[in-house]
Amino acid sequence: MSTKNRILSAASALFADDGYDAATIRKVAASVGIKESSLYNHFSSKRDLFAAVLKFQEGLLSEKLASFRNEPLGSPFTDETSAQVAVAVAGALRIAIFFHTDPTAVTYRRLLRVNLHRDVIFRDKLKRFFQDEPLSLIASIIAQAVPLVRQLTDLEITGFIATIGHLIETHGQAAAEPQIRALTRNLRDRLVE
């Protein structure tokens, strides 16, 4: 990994954990194992570094989201509605869990949340990447997999994502498995009612 990328990774964690005001160039340089002056060879200021961190994290997350959009849903569907619904629900569950467990998504969400007070752009990015994107991905998967079955409303999808996120953040993914399975069954039932 290049020095610049090591700096961006370390700064991402520090800005996400401590916020912009508490994260210092000195802390970033120390966590990378370089001198402050070396860091300034890559970034002209703390503000420049922070802007680069946002762009870096957004790029990583965007790449991962693109893989969801380009990923085939599985084998060609039969006419059996229950198989199609199962595939759609599995895809929705995978996306919902991704947004709450993937290290890049978790870091970017923390980075945006801890800096919400700084600018409205952080609120907008938080909404875009952690509300609009998952909503769009899940709606697309369900529409593609189950075109002839009742579609979920945005509110139902948002509730599904939020509940899974709450369960994972409160109990951890492993401990939340039984509740997630129940939620998944409920979603499957809603699609075929």
C-alpha atoms as a PDB file:
ATOM      1  CA  MET A   1       0.000   0.000   0.000  1.00  0.00           C
ATOM      2  CA  SER A   2       1.372   3.423  -0.922  1.00  0.00           C
ATOM      3  CA  THR A   3       2.233   5.967   1.770  1.00  0.00           C
ATOM      4  CA  LYS A   4      -0.603   8.177   0.581  1.00  0.00           C
ATOM      5  CA  ASN A   5      -3.133   5.344   0.959  1.00  0.00           C
ATOM      6  CA  ARG A   6      -1.717   4.432   4.382  1.00  0.00           C
ATOM      7  CA  ILE A   7      -2.184   8.071   5.411  1.00  0.00           C
ATOM      8  CA  LEU A   8      -5.749   8.080   4.064  1.00  0.00           C
ATOM      9  CA  SER A   9      -6.602   4.839   5.898  1.00  0.00           C
ATOM     10  CA  ALA A  10      -5.159   6.071   9.190  1.00  0.00           C
ATOM     11  CA  ALA A  11      -6.777   9.497   8.840  1.00  0.00           C
ATOM     12  CA  SER A  12     -10.135   7.869   8.021  1.00  0.00           C
ATOM     13  CA  ALA A  13     -10.062   5.982  11.303  1.00  0.00           C
ATOM     14  CA  LEU A  14      -8.940   9.005  13.319  1.00  0.00           C
ATOM     15  CA  PHE A  15     -11.469  11.402  11.796  1.00  0.00           C
ATOM     16  CA  ALA A  16     -14.210   8.766  12.259  1.00  0.00           C
ATOM     17  CA  ASP A  17     -13.267   8.044  15.876  1.00  0.00           C
ATOM     18  CA  ASP A  18     -12.279  11.501  17.103  1.00  0.00           C
ATOM     19  CA  GLY A  19     -13.967  13.912  14.697  1.00  0.00           C
ATOM     20  CA  TYR A  20     -12.293  16.603  12.662  1.00  0.00           C
ATOM     21  CA  ASP A  21     -11.453  18.903  15.565  1.00  0.00           C
ATOM     22  CA  ALA A  22      -9.766  16.272  17.761  1.00  0.00           C
ATOM     23  CA  ALA A  23      -7.900  14.448  14.997  1.00  0.00           C
ATOM     24  CA  THR A  24      -4.516  16.053  14.427  1.00  0.00           C
ATOM     25  CA  ILE A  25      -1.897  15.821  11.724  1.00  0.00           C
ATOM     26  CA  ARG A  26       0.515  14.677  14.430  1.00  0.00           C
ATOM     27  CA  LYS A  27      -1.778  11.751  15.383  1.00  0.00           C
ATOM     28  CA  VAL A  28      -2.219  10.755  11.746  1.00  0.00           C
ATOM     29  CA  ALA A  29       1.522  10.851  11.073  1.00  0.00           C
ATOM     30  CA  ALA A  30       2.247   8.866  14.248  1.00  0.00           C
ATOM     31  CA  SER A  31      -0.291   6.173  13.376  1.00  0.00           C
ATOM     32  CA  VAL A  32       1.281   5.773   9.928  1.00  0.00           C
ATOM     33  CA  GLY A  33       4.798   5.848  11.368  1.00  0.00           C
ATOM     34  CA  ILE A  34       6.013   8.900   9.462  1.00  0.00           C
ATOM     35  CA  LYS A  35       7.013  12.424  10.405  1.00  0.00           C
ATOM     36  CA  GLU A  36       4.524  15.279  10.163  1.00  0.00           C
ATOM     37  CA  SER A  37       6.680  16.910   7.507  1.00  0.00           C
ATOM     38  CA  SER A  38       6.423  13.759   5.382  1.00  0.00           C
ATOM     39  CA  LEU A  39       2.638  13.882   5.620  1.00  0.00           C
ATOM     40  CA  TYR A  40       2.706  17.427   4.275  1.00  0.00           C
ATOM     41  CA  ASN A  41       4.453  16.080   1.158  1.00  0.00           C
ATOM     42  CA  HIS A  42       1.129  14.412   0.341  1.00  0.00           C
ATOM     43  CA  PHE A  43      -1.441  16.839   1.779  1.00  0.00           C
ATOM     44  CA  SER A  44      -1.031  20.588   2.175  1.00  0.00           C
ATOM     45  CA  SER A  45      -3.258  20.961   5.254  1.00  0.00           C
ATOM     46  CA  LYS A  46      -5.588  19.174   7.633  1.00  0.00           C
ATOM     47  CA  ARG A  47      -8.530  20.441   5.581  1.00  0.00           C
ATOM     48  CA  ASP A  48      -6.943  19.040   2.401  1.00  0.00           C
ATOM     49  CA  LEU A  49      -6.386  15.696   4.156  1.00  0.00           C
ATOM     50  CA  PHE A  50      -9.969  15.612   5.412  1.00  0.00           C
ATOM     51  CA  ALA A  51     -11.341  16.331   1.929  1.00  0.00           C
ATOM     52  CA  ALA A  52      -9.141  13.547   0.537  1.00  0.00           C
ATOM     53  CA  VAL A  53     -10.360  11.147   3.255  1.00  0.00           C
ATOM     54  CA  LEU A  54     -13.990  11.838   2.364  1.00  0.00           C
ATOM     55  CA  LYS A  55     -13.277  11.280  -1.324  1.00  0.00           C
ATOM     56  CA  PHE A  56     -11.233   8.130  -0.549  1.00  0.00           C
ATOM     57  CA  GLN A  57     -13.939   6.579   1.659  1.00  0.00           C
ATOM     58  CA  GLU A  58     -16.727   7.527  -0.731  1.00  0.00           C
ATOM     59  CA  GLY A  59     -14.780   5.943  -3.597  1.00  0.00           C
ATOM     60  CA  LEU A  60     -14.260   2.690  -1.676  1.00  0.00           C
ATOM     61  CA  LEU A  61     -17.919   2.507  -0.749  1.00  0.00           C
ATOM     62  CA  SER A  62     -19.063   3.385  -4.276  1.00  0.00           C
ATOM     63  CA  GLU A  63     -16.945   0.526  -5.690  1.00  0.00           C
ATOM     64  CA  LYS A  64     -18.563  -1.929  -3.310  1.00  0.00           C
ATOM     65  CA  LEU A  65     -22.043  -0.634  -4.119  1.00  0.00           C
ATOM     66  CA  ALA A  66     -21.331  -0.985  -7.840  1.00  0.00           C
ATOM     67  CA  SER A  67     -20.543  -4.648  -7.287  1.00  0.00           C
ATOM     68  CA  PHE A  68     -24.054  -5.121  -5.835  1.00  0.00           C
ATOM     69  CA  ARG A  69     -25.601  -3.503  -8.913  1.00  0.00           C
ATOM     70  CA  ASN A  70     -23.533  -5.602 -11.325  1.00  0.00           C
ATOM     71  CA  GLU A  71     -23.935  -8.893  -9.491  1.00  0.00           C
ATOM     72  CA  PRO A  72     -26.308 -11.397 -11.041  1.00  0.00           C
ATOM     73  CA  LEU A  73     -29.044 -12.555  -8.680  1.00  0.00           C
ATOM     74  CA  GLY A  74     -28.236 -16.206  -9.181  1.00  0.00           C
ATOM     75  CA  SER A  75     -29.480 -18.927 -11.422  1.00  0.00           C
ATOM     76  CA  PRO A  76     -32.252 -18.173 -13.883  1.00  0.00           C
ATOM     77  CA  PHE A  77     -35.617 -18.185 -12.157  1.00  0.00           C
ATOM     78  CA  THR A  78     -38.270 -20.762 -12.614  1.00  0.00           C
ATOM     79  CA  ASP A  79     -41.905 -19.809 -12.529  1.00  0.00           C
ATOM     80  CA  GLU A  80     -41.966 -20.739  -8.864  1.00  0.00           C
ATOM     81  CA  THR A  81     -42.752 -17.556  -6.968  1.00  0.00           C
ATOM     82  CA  SER A  82     -41.432 -18.798  -3.618  1.00  0.00           C
ATOM     83  CA  ALA A  83     -37.967 -19.420  -5.090  1.00  0.00           C
ATOM     84  CA  GLN A  84     -37.925 -15.935  -6.581  1.00  0.00           C
ATOM     85  CA  VAL A  85     -39.046 -14.409  -3.298  1.00  0.00           C
ATOM     86  CA  ALA A  86     -36.359 -16.341  -1.398  1.00  0.00           C
ATOM     87  CA  VAL A  87     -33.661 -14.998  -3.719  1.00  0.00           C
ATOM     88  CA  ALA A  88     -34.995 -11.450  -3.431  1.00  0.00           C
ATOM     89  CA  VAL A  89     -35.160 -11.587   0.356  1.00  0.00           C
ATOM     90  CA  ALA A  90     -31.663 -13.086   0.575  1.00  0.00           C
ATOM     91  CA  GLY A  91     -30.338 -10.250  -1.587  1.00  0.00           C
ATOM     92  CA  ALA A  92     -32.150  -7.630   0.492  1.00  0.00           C
ATOM     93  CA  LEU A  93     -30.798  -9.140   3.689  1.00  0.00           C
ATOM     94  CA  ARG A  94     -27.262  -9.218   2.321  1.00  0.00           C
ATOM     95  CA  ILE A  95     -27.427  -5.525   1.411  1.00  0.00           C
ATOM     96  CA  ALA A  96     -28.953  -4.513   4.750  1.00  0.00           C
ATOM     97  CA  ILE A  97     -26.267  -6.427   6.658  1.00  0.00           C
ATOM     98  CA  PHE A  98     -23.515  -5.021   4.419  1.00  0.00           C
ATOM     99  CA  PHE A  99     -24.342  -1.432   5.353  1.00  0.00           C
ATOM    100  CA  HIS A 100     -23.951  -2.254   9.055  1.00  0.00           C
ATOM    101  CA  THR A 101     -20.998  -4.649   9.043  1.00  0.00           C
ATOM    102  CA  ASP A 102     -18.700  -3.869   6.115  1.00  0.00           C
ATOM    103  CA  PRO A 103     -15.603  -2.068   7.482  1.00  0.00           C
ATOM    104  CA  THR A 104     -15.638   0.556   4.723  1.00  0.00           C
ATOM    105  CA  ALA A 105     -19.337   1.294   5.208  1.00  0.00           C
ATOM    106  CA  VAL A 106     -18.977   1.401   9.007  1.00  0.00           C
ATOM    107  CA  THR A 107     -15.977   3.749   8.836  1.00  0.00           C
ATOM    108  CA  TYR A 108     -17.619   6.061   6.315  1.00  0.00           C
ATOM    109  CA  ARG A 109     -20.862   6.189   8.319  1.00  0.00           C
ATOM    110  CA  ARG A 110     -18.939   6.981  11.529  1.00  0.00           C
ATOM    111  CA  LEU A 111     -16.868   9.586   9.684  1.00  0.00           C
ATOM    112  CA  LEU A 112     -20.020  11.329   8.482  1.00  0.00           C
ATOM    113  CA  ARG A 113     -21.904  11.032  11.778  1.00  0.00           C
ATOM    114  CA  VAL A 114     -19.103  12.385  13.962  1.00  0.00           C
ATOM    115  CA  ASN A 115     -18.775  15.417  11.695  1.00  0.00           C
ATOM    116  CA  LEU A 116     -22.491  16.170  11.159  1.00  0.00           C
ATOM    117  CA  HIS A 117     -22.190  19.454  13.039  1.00  0.00           C
ATOM    118  CA  ARG A 118     -19.542  20.756  10.618  1.00  0.00           C
ATOM    119  CA  ASP A 119     -21.637  21.081   7.460  1.00  0.00           C
ATOM    120  CA  VAL A 120     -24.955  20.049   5.929  1.00  0.00           C
ATOM    121  CA  ILE A 121     -23.021  18.076   3.288  1.00  0.00           C
ATOM    122  CA  PHE A 122     -22.345  15.359   5.882  1.00  0.00           C
ATOM    123  CA  ARG A 123     -26.076  14.938   6.508  1.00  0.00           C
ATOM    124  CA  ASP A 124     -26.690  14.804   2.763  1.00  0.00           C
ATOM    125  CA  LYS A 125     -23.976  12.188   2.220  1.00  0.00           C
ATOM    126  CA  LEU A 126     -25.258  10.158   5.171  1.00  0.00           C
ATOM    127  CA  LYS A 127     -28.748  10.185   3.651  1.00  0.00           C
ATOM    128  CA  ARG A 128     -27.433   9.351   0.183  1.00  0.00           C
ATOM    129  CA  PHE A 129     -25.190   6.447   1.142  1.00  0.00           C
ATOM    130  CA  PHE A 130     -27.049   4.974   4.107  1.00  0.00           C
ATOM    131  CA  GLN A 131     -30.685   5.582   3.237  1.00  0.00           C
ATOM    132  CA  ASP A 132     -31.129   6.257  -0.489  1.00  0.00           C
ATOM    133  CA  GLU A 133     -28.525   3.770  -1.797  1.00  0.00           C
ATOM    134  CA  PRO A 134     -29.674   0.742   0.225  1.00  0.00           C
ATOM    135  CA  LEU A 135     -33.298   1.612  -0.521  1.00  0.00           C
ATOM    136  CA  SER A 136     -32.582   1.780  -4.247  1.00  0.00           C
ATOM    137  CA  LEU A 137     -30.523  -1.428  -4.260  1.00  0.00           C
ATOM    138  CA  ILE A 138     -33.107  -3.447  -2.346  1.00  0.00           C
ATOM    139  CA  ALA A 139     -36.029  -2.105  -4.391  1.00  0.00           C
ATOM    140  CA  SER A 140     -34.131  -2.976  -7.568  1.00  0.00           C
ATOM    141  CA  ILE A 141     -33.343  -6.513  -6.413  1.00  0.00           C
ATOM    142  CA  ILE A 142     -36.932  -7.157  -5.382  1.00  0.00           C
ATOM    143  CA  ALA A 143     -38.335  -5.714  -8.608  1.00  0.00           C
ATOM    144  CA  GLN A 144     -35.892  -7.753 -10.696  1.00  0.00           C
ATOM    145  CA  ALA A 145     -36.375 -11.012  -8.814  1.00  0.00           C
ATOM    146  CA  VAL A 146     -40.084 -10.824  -8.159  1.00  0.00           C
ATOM    147  CA  PRO A 147     -41.650  -8.675 -10.885  1.00  0.00           C
ATOM    148  CA  LEU A 148     -45.119 -10.183 -10.634  1.00  0.00           C
ATOM    149  CA  VAL A 149     -45.416 -10.056  -6.861  1.00  0.00           C
ATOM    150  CA  ARG A 150     -46.445  -7.112  -4.682  1.00  0.00           C
ATOM    151  CA  GLN A 151     -43.582  -4.625  -4.372  1.00  0.00           C
ATOM    152  CA  LEU A 152     -42.581  -3.145  -1.043  1.00  0.00           C
ATOM    153  CA  THR A 153     -43.000   0.527  -0.298  1.00  0.00           C
ATOM    154  CA  ASP A 154     -39.962   2.686   0.427  1.00  0.00           C
ATOM    155  CA  LEU A 155     -41.111   2.860   4.039  1.00  0.00           C
ATOM    156  CA  GLU A 156     -41.230  -0.941   4.354  1.00  0.00           C
ATOM    157  CA  ILE A 157     -37.727  -1.279   2.873  1.00  0.00           C
ATOM    158  CA  THR A 158     -36.374   1.516   5.076  1.00  0.00           C
ATOM    159  CA  GLY A 159     -37.909  -0.184   8.126  1.00  0.00           C
ATOM    160  CA  PHE A 160     -36.291  -3.494   7.149  1.00  0.00           C
ATOM    161  CA  ILE A 161     -32.860  -1.865   6.771  1.00  0.00           C
ATOM    162  CA  ALA A 162     -33.185   0.153   9.987  1.00  0.00           C
ATOM    163  CA  THR A 163     -34.350  -2.836  12.033  1.00  0.00           C
ATOM    164  CA  ILE A 164     -31.495  -5.015  10.817  1.00  0.00           C
ATOM    165  CA  GLY A 165     -29.038  -2.195  11.522  1.00  0.00           C
ATOM    166  CA  HIS A 166     -30.436  -1.725  15.014  1.00  0.00           C
ATOM    167  CA  LEU A 167     -30.262  -5.465  15.759  1.00  0.00           C
ATOM    168  CA  ILE A 168     -26.655  -5.721  14.550  1.00  0.00           C
ATOM    169  CA  GLU A 169     -25.513  -2.574  16.356  1.00  0.00           C
ATOM    170  CA  THR A 170     -27.313  -3.538  19.586  1.00  0.00           C
ATOM    171  CA  HIS A 171     -26.636  -7.280  19.779  1.00  0.00           C
ATOM    172  CA  GLY A 172     -23.922  -8.037  17.205  1.00  0.00           C
ATOM    173  CA  GLN A 173     -24.585  -9.957  14.031  1.00  0.00           C
ATOM    174  CA  ALA A 174     -24.265 -13.459  15.514  1.00  0.00           C
ATOM    175  CA  ALA A 175     -26.548 -12.778  18.499  1.00  0.00           C
ATOM    176  CA  ALA A 176     -29.107 -11.051  16.269  1.00  0.00           C
ATOM    177  CA  GLU A 177     -29.396 -14.026  13.873  1.00  0.00           C
ATOM    178  CA  PRO A 178     -32.701 -15.379  15.275  1.00  0.00           C
ATOM    179  CA  GLN A 179     -34.373 -11.961  15.079  1.00  0.00           C
ATOM    180  CA  ILE A 180     -32.938 -11.359  11.601  1.00  0.00           C
ATOM    181  CA  ARG A 181     -34.304 -14.731  10.444  1.00  0.00           C
ATOM    182  CA  ALA A 182     -37.747 -13.812  11.818  1.00  0.00           C
ATOM    183  CA  LEU A 183     -37.575 -10.419  10.111  1.00  0.00           C
ATOM    184  CA  THR A 184     -36.586 -12.126   6.859  1.00  0.00           C
ATOM    185  CA  ARG A 185     -39.552 -14.519   7.104  1.00  0.00           C
ATOM    186  CA  ASN A 186     -41.823 -11.533   7.691  1.00  0.00           C
ATOM    187  CA  LEU A 187     -40.425  -9.779   4.596  1.00  0.00           C
ATOM    188  CA  ARG A 188     -40.903 -12.944   2.514  1.00  0.00           C
ATOM    189  CA  ASP A 189     -44.522 -13.200   3.705  1.00  0.00           C
ATOM    190  CA  ARG A 190     -45.187  -9.559   2.822  1.00  0.00           C
ATOM    191  CA  LEU A 191     -43.970 -10.109  -0.723  1.00  0.00           C
ATOM    192  CA  VAL A 192     -46.365 -12.984  -1.384  1.00  0.00           C
ATOM    193  CA  GLU A 193     -49.457 -11.738   0.450  1.00  0.00           C
END
